[in-house]
Amino acid sequence: MVVADSFFPRLLLLLLLALTPLAVSAAAAAASAAVGGTGNAADLKISIAPSEVLPNGTKFVLRHKNVSFHCSSLSQQKSLMSWSFVRPESKPEEFTEIVESFTEFSLANMVHSLQGNYTCSANNTAQGIEASTTVEVLVYYPPTGFPVCHSEFSDTNMYLYCSWVGGYPYPTLVWSGEGVNDENEDAEHFLPGRNDTKILTLSKSATYDGKMFKCTGSHFAYTSRVEPSCTTTLKAPLPESEPLVTGSVEKNKTLICRVKEGNPPPKLSWLRNSDTEIRPSNKYVISNDGQVSYLTIINCSKELDEGTYFCKSENPLGTKEVEIWVSVNSKNISGLVAGITVVLLLSGAIFFGLYVYFNRTRLFTRSHFWKEDSSNVFTLVESDGEDDFLPESSSGVTSVVNPEIHQGMNGHTVAQVYLND
């Protein structure tokens, strides 16, 4: 049977030499069907729009775009044409069939889950020819926002991080700045397992103080005209704190130290008398909140705790200390000051009350004499004339003589009185 199955098709092929070109084509198709062959996939053409083609022939589309798929037969012969879709690590899904020389469909709002292999198939049962072609389609989308830069350091090196996350595929990230060139490519590497974060390694050196480094990103799906980049400027540390702190005996006192400048973020520590590092213990509690450090002195003692403390900030670009003087009072000065203030206020109030009480007659009499509603003002004028109204025996007694009424300022009446004695 095996010989017969292979003999007759070969005999049929030999007869092709005597046939016309048109008969050759038909006979070749019959011979191919007899041996169970399939048609040439080049007879089908798939076009996807809008899309871009990668160097390896893979097509990619942008997420949230409306995408059209078109498949046609170059022979223009009607066939049973169908589409199937295969996601990574899943079974094929057939979703359309039509008897025609072409087929097409559209996907609205393309999402990442529709990424995979799309296959167009054509089946002509009359001629016994089957053909199919497959295109891999990737769905790209850009990272969110812009790249983010930050820095860290170890005992030997500084590390500049540039991250641009959330995109597919991973973006391209490039560091630039003083000392960054093609000769030290080994200084740049990606975070293990995270190709969306690129690290630039620099040696510890004060010469980088004030230097700026820039990270620029690029991505297939990024369409904005704004350059996706970030910068970081290296700076030596500069701490700040209150220079004088006052505490009380047998009370807790907390010292606060902040980082005003410093990149990479400095490490903060506390010293006693500039040479002894303070470590957490029953006497001292140290806590940190970002770039702020707190030192709490438990149960302050004037003999043991009063004196000089230092807040030390350090990064690969330098070390800086700020001095803090802690004064411990033997008594509760705040309570004493409050008591003295109350006594002084009470004494002032009592003195003012006694003064008003013992001078009430003079104070209140004057106030009645100069009432604002008094409209008459008397002017006493000494007269050289003789007394026309009093007898001579009345000499020595002052009397009112010939009052003259005048109109004064502000509508007040002024009575001019002459005194005769």
Protein backbone atom coordinates (compact mmCIF):
# COMPACT_ATOMS: atom_id res chain seq x y z
CA MET A 1 0.00 0.00 0.00
CA VAL A 2 2.82 2.39 0.74
CA VAL A 3 4.28 1.81 -2.74
CA ALA A 4 0.92 2.33 -4.40
CA ASP A 5 0.25 5.53 -2.41
CA SER A 6 3.52 7.03 -3.60
CA PHE A 7 3.59 5.59 -7.11
CA PHE A 8 0.41 7.03 -8.63
CA PRO A 9 1.04 10.63 -7.53
CA ARG A 10 4.52 10.47 -9.00
CA LEU A 11 3.18 9.06 -12.26
CA LEU A 12 0.69 11.90 -12.38
CA LEU A 13 3.45 14.41 -11.99
CA LEU A 14 5.34 12.94 -14.96
CA LEU A 15 2.34 13.52 -17.18
CA LEU A 16 2.51 17.25 -16.47
CA LEU A 17 5.27 17.62 -19.03
CA ALA A 18 2.80 17.04 -21.85
CA LEU A 19 0.10 19.38 -20.64
CA THR A 20 -0.51 23.05 -21.35
CA PRO A 21 0.44 25.62 -18.72
CA LEU A 22 -3.16 25.95 -17.53
CA ALA A 23 -3.47 22.20 -17.20
CA VAL A 24 -0.17 22.15 -15.36
CA SER A 25 -1.56 24.37 -12.65
CA ALA A 26 -4.67 22.27 -12.17
CA ALA A 27 -2.76 19.01 -12.19
CA ALA A 28 -0.26 20.31 -9.65
CA ALA A 29 -3.06 21.23 -7.29
CA ALA A 30 -4.55 17.74 -7.67
CA ALA A 31 -1.17 16.12 -7.06
CA SER A 32 -0.66 18.23 -3.96
CA ALA A 33 -4.06 17.21 -2.65
CA ALA A 34 -3.28 13.55 -3.35
CA VAL A 35 -0.23 13.67 -1.11
CA GLY A 36 -2.13 15.62 1.58
CA GLY A 37 -0.16 18.89 1.19
CA THR A 38 -1.28 22.41 2.11
CA GLY A 39 -1.32 25.62 0.11
CA ASN A 40 1.39 28.26 0.25
CA ALA A 41 0.99 30.69 3.17
CA ALA A 42 2.38 33.42 0.94
CA ASP A 43 -0.98 33.38 -0.85
CA LEU A 44 -2.46 35.18 2.24
CA LYS A 45 -1.59 38.65 3.36
CA ILE A 46 -2.41 40.23 6.74
CA SER A 47 -2.43 43.98 7.27
CA ILE A 48 -3.00 45.71 10.64
CA ALA A 49 -3.60 49.44 11.04
CA PRO A 50 -2.50 51.47 12.82
CA SER A 51 0.60 49.50 13.75
CA GLU A 52 4.39 49.59 13.69
CA VAL A 53 6.85 46.84 12.79
CA LEU A 54 9.82 45.88 14.95
CA PRO A 55 13.13 44.77 13.39
CA ASN A 56 12.22 41.10 13.97
CA GLY A 57 8.96 41.49 12.06
CA THR A 58 6.68 41.61 15.10
CA LYS A 59 3.94 44.23 14.92
CA PHE A 60 2.91 46.42 17.84
CA VAL A 61 -0.08 48.65 18.41
CA LEU A 62 -0.74 51.27 21.08
CA ARG A 63 -3.09 50.61 23.96
CA HIS A 64 -6.57 52.22 23.79
CA LYS A 65 -6.36 52.61 20.01
CA ASN A 66 -8.96 51.25 17.57
CA VAL A 67 -7.21 48.62 15.43
CA SER A 68 -8.35 47.06 12.13
CA PHE A 69 -7.26 43.61 10.91
CA HIS A 70 -7.47 42.68 7.21
CA CYS A 71 -6.61 39.37 5.53
CA SER A 72 -6.88 38.76 1.78
CA SER A 73 -6.04 36.00 -0.72
CA LEU A 74 -3.65 37.02 -3.47
CA SER A 75 -5.31 34.54 -5.87
CA GLN A 76 -8.64 36.36 -5.41
CA GLN A 77 -10.36 32.98 -5.16
CA LYS A 78 -13.20 32.65 -2.68
CA SER A 79 -12.44 30.37 0.22
CA LEU A 80 -13.70 29.68 3.69
CA MET A 81 -11.66 32.29 5.53
CA SER A 82 -11.39 32.44 9.32
CA TRP A 83 -9.51 34.15 12.15
CA SER A 84 -8.12 32.63 15.32
CA PHE A 85 -6.43 34.23 18.30
CA VAL A 86 -3.93 32.60 20.65
CA ARG A 87 -2.89 34.25 23.89
CA PRO A 88 0.44 33.25 25.41
CA GLU A 89 0.10 29.83 27.00
CA SER A 90 -3.54 29.37 25.99
CA LYS A 91 -5.60 27.50 23.38
CA PRO A 92 -6.59 29.02 20.01
CA GLU A 93 -9.88 30.92 19.88
CA GLU A 94 -11.70 31.04 16.53
CA PHE A 95 -14.01 34.01 16.26
CA THR A 96 -15.03 34.56 12.62
CA GLU A 97 -15.65 32.58 9.39
CA ILE A 98 -16.71 33.81 5.96
CA VAL A 99 -16.72 32.49 2.37
CA GLU A 100 -14.93 35.24 0.52
CA SER A 101 -11.55 36.21 -0.89
CA PHE A 102 -10.83 38.47 2.09
CA THR A 103 -11.89 38.95 5.72
CA GLU A 104 -11.49 41.77 8.22
CA PHE A 105 -12.53 42.86 11.71
CA SER A 106 -11.81 45.70 14.15
CA LEU A 107 -10.98 45.88 17.85
CA ALA A 108 -11.97 49.04 19.72
CA ASN A 109 -9.98 50.29 22.71
CA MET A 110 -7.12 47.80 22.37
CA VAL A 111 -5.98 46.46 25.72
CA HIS A 112 -2.96 44.45 26.84
CA SER A 113 -4.96 41.22 27.25
CA LEU A 114 -5.52 41.15 23.45
CA GLN A 115 -1.80 40.75 22.85
CA GLY A 116 -0.89 37.47 21.13
CA ASN A 117 -0.81 35.61 17.78
CA TYR A 118 -3.48 36.31 15.16
CA THR A 119 -3.87 33.64 12.44
CA CYS A 120 -5.75 34.01 9.15
CA SER A 121 -6.76 30.75 7.43
CA ALA A 122 -8.24 30.01 4.02
CA ASN A 123 -9.82 26.65 3.09
CA ASN A 124 -10.93 25.77 -0.46
CA THR A 125 -12.55 22.34 -0.28
CA ALA A 126 -13.20 22.19 -4.01
CA GLN A 127 -9.49 22.38 -4.77
CA GLY A 128 -8.40 20.76 -1.53
CA ILE A 129 -6.11 23.65 -0.66
CA GLU A 130 -5.56 25.05 2.84
CA ALA A 131 -3.43 28.09 3.65
CA SER A 132 -2.76 30.05 6.81
CA THR A 133 -0.49 32.85 8.04
CA THR A 134 0.19 34.15 11.56
CA VAL A 135 1.25 37.56 12.88
CA GLU A 136 2.33 38.30 16.43
CA VAL A 137 0.78 41.51 17.76
CA LEU A 138 2.09 43.26 20.87
CA VAL A 139 0.19 45.98 22.76
CA TYR A 140 2.47 48.79 23.96
CA TYR A 141 1.74 51.53 26.48
CA PRO A 142 4.02 54.20 27.95
CA PRO A 143 5.16 54.49 31.58
CA THR A 144 3.19 56.76 33.88
CA GLY A 145 4.30 60.34 34.52
CA PHE A 146 7.98 61.13 34.17
CA PRO A 147 11.19 59.46 35.33
CA VAL A 148 12.02 59.87 39.02
CA CYS A 149 15.59 60.35 40.28
CA HIS A 150 16.95 59.75 43.76
CA SER A 151 20.30 58.85 45.32
CA GLU A 152 21.68 56.56 48.01
CA PHE A 153 25.13 55.65 49.27
CA SER A 154 27.11 52.85 50.87
CA ASP A 155 30.47 52.79 52.60
CA THR A 156 32.31 52.92 49.28
CA ASN A 157 30.04 54.35 46.55
CA MET A 158 27.14 56.61 45.65
CA TYR A 159 24.20 55.26 43.65
CA LEU A 160 21.95 57.41 41.47
CA TYR A 161 18.61 55.77 40.67
CA CYS A 162 16.40 56.61 37.69
CA SER A 163 12.98 54.92 37.61
CA TRP A 164 10.23 55.16 35.01
CA VAL A 165 7.66 52.51 35.84
CA GLY A 166 4.33 51.32 34.54
CA GLY A 167 5.06 50.88 30.82
CA TYR A 168 5.34 47.98 28.38
CA PRO A 169 7.91 47.16 27.23
CA TYR A 170 10.54 48.57 29.56
CA PRO A 171 11.76 52.08 28.66
CA THR A 172 15.24 53.10 27.60
CA LEU A 173 17.02 55.16 30.28
CA VAL A 174 20.27 57.09 29.81
CA TRP A 175 22.31 58.93 32.48
CA SER A 176 24.30 62.05 31.57
CA GLY A 177 26.50 64.41 33.55
CA GLU A 178 30.08 65.13 34.50
CA GLY A 179 32.12 61.93 34.48
CA VAL A 180 29.44 59.91 32.65
CA ASN A 181 30.55 58.72 29.18
CA ASP A 182 30.87 55.64 27.03
CA GLU A 183 34.11 54.64 28.74
CA ASN A 184 32.42 53.87 32.04
CA GLU A 185 29.39 51.95 30.80
CA ASP A 186 30.06 49.38 33.51
CA ALA A 187 29.02 52.04 36.03
CA GLU A 188 25.43 51.84 34.72
CA HIS A 189 23.23 48.83 35.30
CA PHE A 190 19.59 47.97 35.84
CA LEU A 191 18.05 47.05 39.14
CA PRO A 192 17.92 43.23 39.22
CA GLY A 193 14.57 42.08 37.88
CA ARG A 194 13.56 45.68 37.20
CA ASN A 195 14.56 46.97 33.78
CA ASP A 196 12.55 50.13 34.46
CA THR A 197 15.16 51.37 36.95
CA LYS A 198 18.72 52.25 35.94
CA ILE A 199 21.50 52.82 38.50
CA LEU A 200 24.58 54.97 38.02
CA THR A 201 27.44 54.13 40.39
CA LEU A 202 29.87 56.89 41.44
CA SER A 203 32.84 56.78 43.78
CA LYS A 204 32.76 58.70 47.07
CA SER A 205 34.36 62.06 46.38
CA ALA A 206 33.82 65.62 47.54
CA THR A 207 34.46 66.78 43.97
CA TYR A 208 30.88 65.84 43.07
CA ASP A 209 29.50 68.48 45.47
CA GLY A 210 27.14 70.73 43.48
CA LYS A 211 27.25 68.57 40.34
CA MET A 212 24.00 67.83 38.51
CA PHE A 213 23.16 64.54 36.77
CA LYS A 214 20.32 63.99 34.32
CA CYS A 215 18.39 60.86 33.36
CA THR A 216 16.51 60.88 30.04
CA GLY A 217 13.94 58.25 29.09
CA SER A 218 12.44 57.09 25.80
CA HIS A 219 9.66 54.67 24.93
CA PHE A 220 7.94 53.39 21.78
CA ALA A 221 4.50 54.47 23.04
CA TYR A 222 5.48 57.86 24.48
CA THR A 223 3.98 60.55 22.22
CA SER A 224 4.19 63.75 24.29
CA ARG A 225 6.48 66.54 23.11
CA VAL A 226 7.77 67.10 26.65
CA GLU A 227 11.09 65.34 27.21
CA PRO A 228 10.71 62.60 29.84
CA SER A 229 13.63 63.29 32.18
CA CYS A 230 14.65 64.00 35.77
CA THR A 231 17.69 65.54 37.43
CA THR A 232 19.46 65.23 40.76
CA THR A 233 22.11 67.55 42.23
CA LEU A 234 24.62 66.18 44.72
CA LYS A 235 25.20 68.32 47.82
CA ALA A 236 27.24 68.11 51.01
CA PRO A 237 25.19 67.88 54.23
CA LEU A 238 24.05 70.89 56.28
CA PRO A 239 22.18 70.22 59.56
CA GLU A 240 20.31 72.79 61.68
CA SER A 241 19.07 72.88 65.29
CA GLU A 242 18.42 75.27 68.18
CA PRO A 243 21.77 76.31 69.68
CA LEU A 244 20.47 76.58 73.29
CA VAL A 245 18.04 74.20 74.96
CA THR A 246 16.86 74.44 78.57
CA GLY A 247 15.64 71.49 80.62
CA SER A 248 14.63 70.82 84.21
CA VAL A 249 15.92 68.38 86.78
CA GLU A 250 14.12 65.03 86.77
CA LYS A 251 12.29 65.92 83.58
CA ASN A 252 12.72 64.56 80.03
CA LYS A 253 14.10 66.85 77.33
CA THR A 254 14.08 66.27 73.56
CA LEU A 255 16.64 67.74 71.15
CA ILE A 256 15.68 68.10 67.46
CA CYS A 257 18.06 68.12 64.48
CA ARG A 258 16.98 68.64 60.85
CA VAL A 259 18.76 68.22 57.54
CA LYS A 260 18.62 71.54 55.69
CA GLU A 261 20.68 70.33 52.72
CA GLY A 262 22.27 67.10 51.59
CA ASN A 263 22.05 64.71 48.63
CA PRO A 264 22.38 61.76 48.94
CA PRO A 265 20.26 62.10 52.11
CA PRO A 266 22.76 62.30 54.99
CA LYS A 267 22.96 59.94 57.91
CA LEU A 268 22.23 61.67 61.25
CA SER A 269 23.87 60.76 64.56
CA TRP A 270 24.30 62.33 68.02
CA LEU A 271 27.54 63.00 69.92
CA ARG A 272 28.34 64.00 73.49
CA ASN A 273 31.24 66.47 73.75
CA SER A 274 32.09 65.94 70.04
CA ASP A 275 33.83 62.60 70.57
CA THR A 276 31.40 60.13 72.17
CA GLU A 277 28.60 58.80 69.98
CA ILE A 278 25.28 58.50 71.77
CA ARG A 279 23.49 55.20 71.33
CA PRO A 280 19.96 54.27 72.41
CA SER A 281 19.85 53.20 76.05
CA ASN A 282 17.86 53.65 79.24
CA LYS A 283 19.24 57.21 79.35
CA TYR A 284 18.80 58.20 75.70
CA VAL A 285 16.03 57.55 73.17
CA ILE A 286 16.84 58.24 69.49
CA SER A 287 14.17 58.28 66.78
CA ASN A 288 14.17 59.41 63.16
CA ASP A 289 11.42 60.69 60.90
CA GLY A 290 12.76 61.15 57.38
CA GLN A 291 15.45 63.81 57.55
CA VAL A 292 14.65 64.76 61.17
CA SER A 293 16.31 63.13 64.20
CA TYR A 294 15.15 63.31 67.83
CA LEU A 295 17.30 62.76 70.92
CA THR A 296 15.36 62.46 74.20
CA ILE A 297 17.30 62.74 77.47
CA ILE A 298 15.51 60.74 80.17
CA ASN A 299 15.28 62.13 83.72
CA CYS A 300 17.65 65.09 83.26
CA SER A 301 20.44 65.66 85.77
CA LYS A 302 22.39 68.91 86.06
CA GLU A 303 25.62 67.12 86.92
CA LEU A 304 25.41 64.43 84.22
CA ASP A 305 23.41 65.92 81.34
CA GLU A 306 24.20 69.61 81.23
CA GLY A 307 26.76 70.48 78.58
CA THR A 308 27.49 70.31 74.85
CA TYR A 309 25.81 67.96 72.38
CA PHE A 310 26.46 67.62 68.65
CA CYS A 311 24.20 66.58 65.79
CA LYS A 312 26.34 65.03 63.07
CA SER A 313 25.22 64.67 59.44
CA GLU A 314 27.30 62.68 56.96
CA ASN A 315 27.17 61.63 53.30
CA PRO A 316 29.89 60.78 50.73
CA LEU A 317 30.41 64.48 49.96
CA GLY A 318 31.33 65.51 53.50
CA THR A 319 30.54 65.68 57.21
CA LYS A 320 28.99 68.58 59.12
CA GLU A 321 28.15 69.03 62.82
CA VAL A 322 25.92 71.49 64.66
CA GLU A 323 26.53 72.30 68.34
CA ILE A 324 23.75 72.37 70.95
CA TRP A 325 24.20 73.57 74.54
CA VAL A 326 21.85 71.95 77.07
CA SER A 327 21.24 73.85 80.31
CA VAL A 328 19.55 72.00 83.18
CA ASN A 329 17.83 74.09 85.88
CA SER A 330 17.75 72.76 89.41
CA LYS A 331 14.26 74.19 90.08
CA ASN A 332 11.14 74.54 88.08
CA ILE A 333 11.83 78.06 86.83
CA SER A 334 8.68 78.20 84.76
CA GLY A 335 6.47 77.70 87.84
CA LEU A 336 8.45 80.26 89.80
CA VAL A 337 8.14 82.87 87.06
CA ALA A 338 4.41 82.27 86.82
CA GLY A 339 4.02 82.71 90.57
CA ILE A 340 5.98 85.96 90.63
CA THR A 341 3.91 87.31 87.75
CA VAL A 342 0.65 86.60 89.59
CA VAL A 343 1.90 88.29 92.77
CA LEU A 344 2.96 91.41 90.87
CA LEU A 345 -0.39 91.67 89.14
CA LEU A 346 -2.31 91.34 92.39
CA SER A 347 -0.09 93.92 94.11
CA GLY A 348 -0.65 96.40 91.29
CA ALA A 349 -4.40 95.92 91.44
CA ILE A 350 -4.50 96.48 95.23
CA PHE A 351 -2.35 99.61 95.02
CA PHE A 352 -4.53 101.09 92.28
CA GLY A 353 -7.70 100.37 94.30
CA LEU A 354 -6.34 102.04 97.42
CA TYR A 355 -5.22 105.09 95.46
CA VAL A 356 -8.66 105.54 93.93
CA TYR A 357 -10.38 105.04 97.28
CA PHE A 358 -8.36 107.61 99.23
CA ASN A 359 -8.54 110.19 96.43
CA ARG A 360 -12.15 109.67 95.48
CA THR A 361 -13.32 113.13 96.63
CA ARG A 362 -10.79 115.03 94.59
CA LEU A 363 -11.09 112.82 91.56
CA PHE A 364 -14.89 112.75 91.38
CA THR A 365 -15.36 116.48 92.37
CA ARG A 366 -13.18 117.65 89.54
CA SER A 367 -14.96 115.46 87.15
CA HIS A 368 -18.32 117.01 88.10
CA PHE A 369 -16.97 120.57 87.90
CA TRP A 370 -15.76 120.09 84.35
CA LYS A 371 -18.85 118.51 82.93
CA GLU A 372 -18.94 118.50 79.19
CA ASP A 373 -22.52 119.78 79.06
CA SER A 374 -21.65 123.06 80.86
CA SER A 375 -22.36 125.80 78.39
CA ASN A 376 -21.59 128.86 80.56
CA VAL A 377 -18.11 130.06 81.39
CA PHE A 378 -17.53 132.81 83.93
CA THR A 379 -14.62 135.20 83.54
CA LEU A 380 -13.67 137.17 86.61
CA VAL A 381 -12.26 140.59 85.76
CA GLU A 382 -11.02 143.06 88.37
CA SER A 383 -12.76 146.49 88.09
CA ASP A 384 -11.15 149.89 88.68
CA GLY A 385 -14.45 151.65 88.90
CA GLU A 386 -16.27 152.49 92.05
CA ASP A 387 -18.99 150.36 93.44
CA ASP A 388 -22.31 151.83 92.32
CA PHE A 389 -24.45 149.24 94.00
CA LEU A 390 -23.02 148.55 97.46
CA PRO A 391 -22.71 150.91 100.37
CA GLU A 392 -19.30 152.03 101.50
CA SER A 393 -19.61 149.94 104.64
CA SER A 394 -19.49 146.81 102.48
CA SER A 395 -15.89 147.37 101.42
CA GLY A 396 -13.74 144.24 101.60
CA VAL A 397 -16.52 141.98 100.26
CA THR A 398 -16.16 140.81 96.68
CA SER A 399 -19.32 141.13 94.61
CA VAL A 400 -20.44 140.67 91.05
CA VAL A 401 -20.73 144.02 89.25
CA ASN A 402 -22.12 144.79 85.81
CA PRO A 403 -22.06 141.34 84.25
CA GLU A 404 -21.67 141.49 80.47
CA ILE A 405 -22.85 138.59 78.41
CA HIS A 406 -20.84 137.63 75.34
CA GLN A 407 -21.22 134.89 72.79
CA GLY A 408 -18.19 132.54 73.13
CA MET A 409 -16.70 129.80 71.00
CA ASN A 410 -18.69 126.73 70.02
CA GLY A 411 -21.95 128.44 70.89
CA HIS A 412 -21.18 128.75 74.66
CA THR A 413 -22.28 131.82 76.62
CA VAL A 414 -19.50 133.76 78.31
CA ALA A 415 -20.41 136.02 81.25
CA GLN A 416 -17.79 138.63 82.04
CA VAL A 417 -18.00 139.54 85.70
CA TYR A 418 -16.21 142.43 87.36
CA LEU A 419 -15.04 142.03 90.92
CA ASN A 420 -15.19 144.94 93.28
CA ASP A 421 -13.62 144.90 96.66
